Amino acid sequence: MRPEDVPAGPVLVDTDVISYWIAEHPDGNAFKDLTRGHEMAISFATWGELLANVHRLRWGQKRITQLQNQLRAFVVVPYSIQVVELWAQMHAKLQDICTKGEPTTSGRQLAHSR
């Protein structure tokens, strides 16, 4: 994907991308290019996952506070049924793009669970 392929408007950034940025991992650079110039948002779940991870890793309070300050630059999308339904649609579409329409393992498991 190229930056010009990203539609105008805010971009929802997930936990993995934020983690790349925090760790200054080289894979994060591509995401910086894709999000540049966009308002960025994270879900309430992403904020929680990041904080859970740093507690699990036993970060000190100073580093946790720095992370919290960095996260304040993002719009936080609160929980609602509409958010969950939109996320599910977006996730399914992304999975189709990434797998070229082939069902993922979790999709096959769901199909066989009927």
N, C-alpha and C. Protein backbone atom coordinates (compact mmCIF):
# COMPACT_ATOMS: atom_id res chain seq x y z
N MET A 1 0.85 -1.18 0.00
CA MET A 1 0.00 0.00 0.00
C MET A 1 0.89 1.23 0.00
N ARG A 2 0.43 2.23 -0.73
CA ARG A 2 1.17 3.49 -0.82
C ARG A 2 0.41 4.58 -0.06
N PRO A 3 1.10 5.61 0.40
CA PRO A 3 0.41 6.69 1.13
C PRO A 3 -0.77 7.26 0.37
N GLU A 4 -0.67 7.37 -0.95
CA GLU A 4 -1.78 7.94 -1.73
C GLU A 4 -2.98 7.00 -1.80
N ASP A 5 -2.81 5.74 -1.40
CA ASP A 5 -3.92 4.78 -1.37
C ASP A 5 -4.77 4.92 -0.10
N VAL A 6 -4.25 5.64 0.89
CA VAL A 6 -4.98 5.80 2.15
C VAL A 6 -6.04 6.87 1.96
N PRO A 7 -7.32 6.52 2.20
CA PRO A 7 -8.39 7.52 2.02
C PRO A 7 -8.20 8.71 2.95
N ALA A 8 -8.75 9.84 2.54
CA ALA A 8 -8.70 11.04 3.38
C ALA A 8 -9.45 10.76 4.68
N GLY A 9 -9.06 11.47 5.71
CA GLY A 9 -9.74 11.35 6.99
C GLY A 9 -8.87 10.68 8.03
N PRO A 10 -9.45 10.44 9.19
CA PRO A 10 -8.67 9.84 10.28
C PRO A 10 -8.28 8.40 9.99
N VAL A 11 -7.21 7.95 10.63
CA VAL A 11 -6.70 6.60 10.47
C VAL A 11 -6.73 5.93 11.84
N LEU A 12 -7.31 4.73 11.90
CA LEU A 12 -7.33 3.95 13.13
C LEU A 12 -6.05 3.13 13.18
N VAL A 13 -5.24 3.34 14.20
CA VAL A 13 -3.94 2.69 14.34
C VAL A 13 -4.07 1.58 15.38
N ASP A 14 -3.54 0.40 15.07
CA ASP A 14 -3.69 -0.71 16.01
C ASP A 14 -2.48 -0.88 16.92
N THR A 15 -2.62 -1.80 17.85
CA THR A 15 -1.62 -2.02 18.89
C THR A 15 -0.25 -2.35 18.31
N ASP A 16 -0.21 -3.20 17.29
CA ASP A 16 1.08 -3.60 16.72
C ASP A 16 1.83 -2.40 16.14
N VAL A 17 1.11 -1.53 15.45
CA VAL A 17 1.75 -0.36 14.84
C VAL A 17 2.32 0.55 15.92
N ILE A 18 1.53 0.82 16.95
CA ILE A 18 2.02 1.66 18.06
C ILE A 18 3.25 1.01 18.69
N SER A 19 3.21 -0.31 18.84
CA SER A 19 4.35 -1.02 19.43
C SER A 19 5.60 -0.87 18.58
N TYR A 20 5.45 -0.95 17.25
CA TYR A 20 6.59 -0.72 16.36
C TYR A 20 7.17 0.66 16.59
N TRP A 21 6.28 1.66 16.69
CA TRP A 21 6.76 3.04 16.87
C TRP A 21 7.47 3.21 18.20
N ILE A 22 6.92 2.66 19.25
CA ILE A 22 7.52 2.79 20.58
C ILE A 22 8.91 2.13 20.60
N ALA A 23 9.00 0.95 19.99
CA ALA A 23 10.26 0.21 19.98
C ALA A 23 11.22 0.71 18.90
N GLU A 24 10.76 1.69 18.10
CA GLU A 24 11.55 2.21 16.98
C GLU A 24 11.99 1.07 16.06
N HIS A 25 11.08 0.13 15.85
CA HIS A 25 11.32 -1.02 14.96
C HIS A 25 11.24 -0.54 13.51
N PRO A 26 12.12 -1.04 12.65
CA PRO A 26 12.13 -0.58 11.25
C PRO A 26 10.78 -0.77 10.54
N ASP A 27 10.01 -1.80 10.90
CA ASP A 27 8.70 -2.02 10.27
C ASP A 27 7.73 -0.87 10.53
N GLY A 28 7.99 -0.08 11.55
CA GLY A 28 7.13 1.05 11.85
C GLY A 28 7.23 2.18 10.86
N ASN A 29 8.34 2.26 10.12
CA ASN A 29 8.54 3.37 9.18
C ASN A 29 7.49 3.39 8.08
N ALA A 30 7.12 2.23 7.56
CA ALA A 30 6.10 2.18 6.50
C ALA A 30 4.77 2.72 7.01
N PHE A 31 4.46 2.43 8.27
CA PHE A 31 3.21 2.92 8.83
C PHE A 31 3.25 4.42 9.07
N LYS A 32 4.42 4.93 9.40
CA LYS A 32 4.55 6.39 9.55
C LYS A 32 4.23 7.08 8.22
N ASP A 33 4.74 6.50 7.13
CA ASP A 33 4.46 7.07 5.81
C ASP A 33 2.97 7.03 5.49
N LEU A 34 2.30 5.94 5.87
CA LEU A 34 0.87 5.79 5.57
C LEU A 34 -0.02 6.70 6.41
N THR A 35 0.43 7.04 7.59
CA THR A 35 -0.40 7.84 8.50
C THR A 35 -0.06 9.33 8.48
N ARG A 36 1.05 9.69 7.86
CA ARG A 36 1.49 11.09 7.84
C ARG A 36 0.40 11.98 7.26
N GLY A 37 0.09 13.06 7.97
CA GLY A 37 -0.91 14.02 7.51
C GLY A 37 -2.33 13.66 7.88
N HIS A 38 -2.52 12.53 8.54
CA HIS A 38 -3.86 12.11 8.95
C HIS A 38 -4.02 12.28 10.46
N GLU A 39 -5.22 12.61 10.87
CA GLU A 39 -5.54 12.53 12.29
C GLU A 39 -5.51 11.04 12.64
N MET A 40 -4.91 10.70 13.77
CA MET A 40 -4.78 9.30 14.13
C MET A 40 -5.62 8.99 15.35
N ALA A 41 -6.22 7.81 15.32
CA ALA A 41 -7.07 7.37 16.41
C ALA A 41 -6.64 5.97 16.83
N ILE A 42 -6.91 5.65 18.09
CA ILE A 42 -6.75 4.29 18.60
C ILE A 42 -8.03 3.92 19.32
N SER A 43 -8.29 2.64 19.41
CA SER A 43 -9.47 2.21 20.15
C SER A 43 -9.14 2.17 21.64
N PHE A 44 -10.18 2.18 22.43
CA PHE A 44 -9.98 2.05 23.88
C PHE A 44 -9.25 0.74 24.18
N ALA A 45 -9.50 -0.30 23.36
CA ALA A 45 -8.85 -1.60 23.58
C ALA A 45 -7.35 -1.52 23.31
N THR A 46 -6.94 -0.75 22.30
CA THR A 46 -5.52 -0.59 22.01
C THR A 46 -4.81 0.08 23.18
N TRP A 47 -5.42 1.14 23.73
CA TRP A 47 -4.83 1.81 24.89
C TRP A 47 -4.65 0.79 26.02
N GLY A 48 -5.69 -0.01 26.26
CA GLY A 48 -5.63 -1.01 27.33
C GLY A 48 -4.59 -2.09 27.06
N GLU A 49 -4.50 -2.56 25.82
CA GLU A 49 -3.50 -3.58 25.48
C GLU A 49 -2.09 -3.05 25.69
N LEU A 50 -1.85 -1.83 25.27
CA LEU A 50 -0.51 -1.25 25.44
C LEU A 50 -0.15 -1.12 26.91
N LEU A 51 -1.09 -0.63 27.71
CA LEU A 51 -0.81 -0.49 29.14
C LEU A 51 -0.62 -1.85 29.80
N ALA A 52 -1.42 -2.84 29.41
CA ALA A 52 -1.26 -4.19 29.97
C ALA A 52 0.13 -4.74 29.63
N ASN A 53 0.55 -4.51 28.38
CA ASN A 53 1.88 -5.00 27.98
C ASN A 53 3.00 -4.36 28.78
N VAL A 54 2.92 -3.05 29.00
CA VAL A 54 4.02 -2.41 29.74
C VAL A 54 4.02 -2.82 31.21
N HIS A 55 2.84 -3.08 31.76
CA HIS A 55 2.80 -3.59 33.13
C HIS A 55 3.39 -5.00 33.18
N ARG A 56 3.06 -5.83 32.17
CA ARG A 56 3.60 -7.18 32.10
C ARG A 56 5.12 -7.14 31.97
N LEU A 57 5.62 -6.16 31.21
CA LEU A 57 7.07 -6.02 31.02
C LEU A 57 7.75 -5.30 32.18
N ARG A 58 6.93 -4.89 33.16
CA ARG A 58 7.42 -4.24 34.38
C ARG A 58 8.15 -2.92 34.09
N TRP A 59 7.56 -2.14 33.19
CA TRP A 59 8.10 -0.81 32.96
C TRP A 59 7.96 -0.01 34.24
N GLY A 60 8.87 0.90 34.46
CA GLY A 60 8.77 1.80 35.60
C GLY A 60 7.71 2.86 35.34
N GLN A 61 7.31 3.54 36.41
CA GLN A 61 6.26 4.55 36.30
C GLN A 61 6.63 5.68 35.35
N LYS A 62 7.91 6.04 35.31
CA LYS A 62 8.34 7.12 34.41
C LYS A 62 8.06 6.75 32.95
N ARG A 63 8.43 5.53 32.55
CA ARG A 63 8.20 5.09 31.17
C ARG A 63 6.71 4.95 30.88
N ILE A 64 5.95 4.45 31.85
CA ILE A 64 4.50 4.31 31.67
C ILE A 64 3.87 5.68 31.46
N THR A 65 4.30 6.66 32.24
CA THR A 65 3.77 8.03 32.10
C THR A 65 4.14 8.60 30.73
N GLN A 66 5.36 8.33 30.26
CA GLN A 66 5.76 8.79 28.92
C GLN A 66 4.87 8.18 27.85
N LEU A 67 4.57 6.89 27.97
CA LEU A 67 3.69 6.23 27.02
C LEU A 67 2.29 6.86 27.07
N GLN A 68 1.77 7.05 28.26
CA GLN A 68 0.44 7.66 28.40
C GLN A 68 0.41 9.05 27.75
N ASN A 69 1.47 9.81 27.93
CA ASN A 69 1.54 11.13 27.30
C ASN A 69 1.57 11.03 25.78
N GLN A 70 2.31 10.04 25.25
CA GLN A 70 2.36 9.83 23.80
C GLN A 70 0.97 9.45 23.28
N LEU A 71 0.25 8.62 24.02
CA LEU A 71 -1.06 8.15 23.57
C LEU A 71 -2.10 9.27 23.57
N ARG A 72 -1.86 10.31 24.34
CA ARG A 72 -2.80 11.43 24.37
C ARG A 72 -2.84 12.20 23.04
N ALA A 73 -1.87 11.95 22.18
CA ALA A 73 -1.87 12.58 20.85
C ALA A 73 -2.91 11.94 19.92
N PHE A 74 -3.45 10.80 20.33
CA PHE A 74 -4.42 10.07 19.52
C PHE A 74 -5.84 10.34 20.02
N VAL A 75 -6.78 10.36 19.09
CA VAL A 75 -8.18 10.34 19.46
C VAL A 75 -8.47 8.92 19.93
N VAL A 76 -9.13 8.77 21.07
CA VAL A 76 -9.47 7.44 21.57
C VAL A 76 -10.93 7.15 21.23
N VAL A 77 -11.13 6.08 20.45
CA VAL A 77 -12.48 5.69 20.05
C VAL A 77 -13.07 4.86 21.19
N PRO A 78 -14.18 5.33 21.77
CA PRO A 78 -14.77 4.60 22.90
C PRO A 78 -15.54 3.37 22.41
N TYR A 79 -15.89 2.52 23.34
CA TYR A 79 -16.66 1.32 23.04
C TYR A 79 -18.10 1.68 22.70
N SER A 80 -18.62 1.04 21.68
CA SER A 80 -20.05 1.07 21.38
C SER A 80 -20.32 -0.10 20.45
N ILE A 81 -21.54 -0.53 20.37
CA ILE A 81 -21.91 -1.61 19.46
C ILE A 81 -21.57 -1.22 18.02
N GLN A 82 -21.82 0.05 17.67
CA GLN A 82 -21.53 0.49 16.31
C GLN A 82 -20.03 0.40 16.00
N VAL A 83 -19.19 0.74 16.98
CA VAL A 83 -17.75 0.64 16.78
C VAL A 83 -17.35 -0.81 16.56
N VAL A 84 -17.90 -1.71 17.36
CA VAL A 84 -17.58 -3.13 17.23
C VAL A 84 -18.01 -3.66 15.86
N GLU A 85 -19.21 -3.29 15.43
CA GLU A 85 -19.70 -3.76 14.13
C GLU A 85 -18.86 -3.21 12.98
N LEU A 86 -18.48 -1.94 13.06
CA LEU A 86 -17.64 -1.34 12.02
C LEU A 86 -16.26 -2.00 12.02
N TRP A 87 -15.70 -2.24 13.21
CA TRP A 87 -14.41 -2.90 13.30
C TRP A 87 -14.49 -4.28 12.66
N ALA A 88 -15.55 -5.03 12.93
CA ALA A 88 -15.68 -6.38 12.37
C ALA A 88 -15.71 -6.33 10.85
N GLN A 89 -16.42 -5.37 10.28
CA GLN A 89 -16.48 -5.24 8.83
C GLN A 89 -15.10 -4.87 8.26
N MET A 90 -14.43 -3.92 8.91
CA MET A 90 -13.11 -3.50 8.44
C MET A 90 -12.11 -4.65 8.55
N HIS A 91 -12.17 -5.38 9.65
CA HIS A 91 -11.25 -6.49 9.89
C HIS A 91 -11.46 -7.57 8.83
N ALA A 92 -12.71 -7.90 8.53
CA ALA A 92 -13.00 -8.91 7.53
C ALA A 92 -12.49 -8.47 6.16
N LYS A 93 -12.70 -7.20 5.82
CA LYS A 93 -12.24 -6.69 4.53
C LYS A 93 -10.71 -6.75 4.45
N LEU A 94 -10.03 -6.35 5.52
CA LEU A 94 -8.58 -6.39 5.54
C LEU A 94 -8.08 -7.82 5.43
N GLN A 95 -8.72 -8.74 6.13
CA GLN A 95 -8.32 -10.15 6.04
C GLN A 95 -8.46 -10.64 4.60
N ASP A 96 -9.53 -10.26 3.93
CA ASP A 96 -9.72 -10.65 2.53
C ASP A 96 -8.61 -10.09 1.65
N ILE A 97 -8.24 -8.84 1.89
CA ILE A 97 -7.17 -8.21 1.10
C ILE A 97 -5.85 -8.92 1.36
N CYS A 98 -5.56 -9.20 2.62
CA CYS A 98 -4.28 -9.81 2.98
C CYS A 98 -4.18 -11.27 2.54
N THR A 99 -5.32 -11.96 2.47
CA THR A 99 -5.29 -13.38 2.10
C THR A 99 -5.84 -13.61 0.70
N LYS A 100 -6.11 -12.52 -0.02
CA LYS A 100 -6.63 -12.59 -1.39
C LYS A 100 -7.89 -13.44 -1.47
N GLY A 101 -8.77 -13.26 -0.46
CA GLY A 101 -10.06 -13.93 -0.47
C GLY A 101 -10.06 -15.32 0.13
N GLU A 102 -8.88 -15.86 0.45
CA GLU A 102 -8.82 -17.18 1.07
C GLU A 102 -9.18 -17.04 2.54
N PRO A 103 -10.01 -17.96 3.06
CA PRO A 103 -10.34 -17.85 4.49
C PRO A 103 -9.11 -18.04 5.36
N THR A 104 -9.03 -17.26 6.42
CA THR A 104 -7.93 -17.41 7.37
C THR A 104 -8.22 -18.60 8.27
N THR A 105 -7.24 -19.00 9.05
CA THR A 105 -7.44 -20.11 9.98
C THR A 105 -8.63 -19.86 10.88
N SER A 106 -8.71 -18.66 11.46
CA SER A 106 -9.82 -18.36 12.36
C SER A 106 -11.15 -18.37 11.60
N GLY A 107 -11.14 -17.92 10.33
CA GLY A 107 -12.35 -17.95 9.53
C GLY A 107 -12.80 -19.38 9.25
N ARG A 108 -11.83 -20.27 8.97
CA ARG A 108 -12.16 -21.68 8.73
C ARG A 108 -12.70 -22.30 10.01
N GLN A 109 -12.10 -21.95 11.15
CA GLN A 109 -12.57 -22.50 12.42
C GLN A 109 -14.01 -22.07 12.67
N LEU A 110 -14.33 -20.82 12.40
CA LEU A 110 -15.68 -20.33 12.61
C LEU A 110 -16.65 -21.04 11.66
N ALA A 111 -16.26 -21.23 10.42
CA ALA A 111 -17.13 -21.89 9.46
C ALA A 111 -17.41 -23.33 9.86
N HIS A 112 -16.43 -24.00 10.44
CA HIS A 112 -16.60 -25.41 10.84
C HIS A 112 -17.25 -25.54 12.20
N SER A 113 -17.47 -24.45 12.90
CA SER A 113 -18.05 -24.53 14.24
C SER A 113 -19.56 -24.59 14.22
N ARG A 114 -20.15 -24.46 13.03
CA ARG A 114 -21.63 -24.47 12.94
C ARG A 114 -22.19 -25.83 13.21
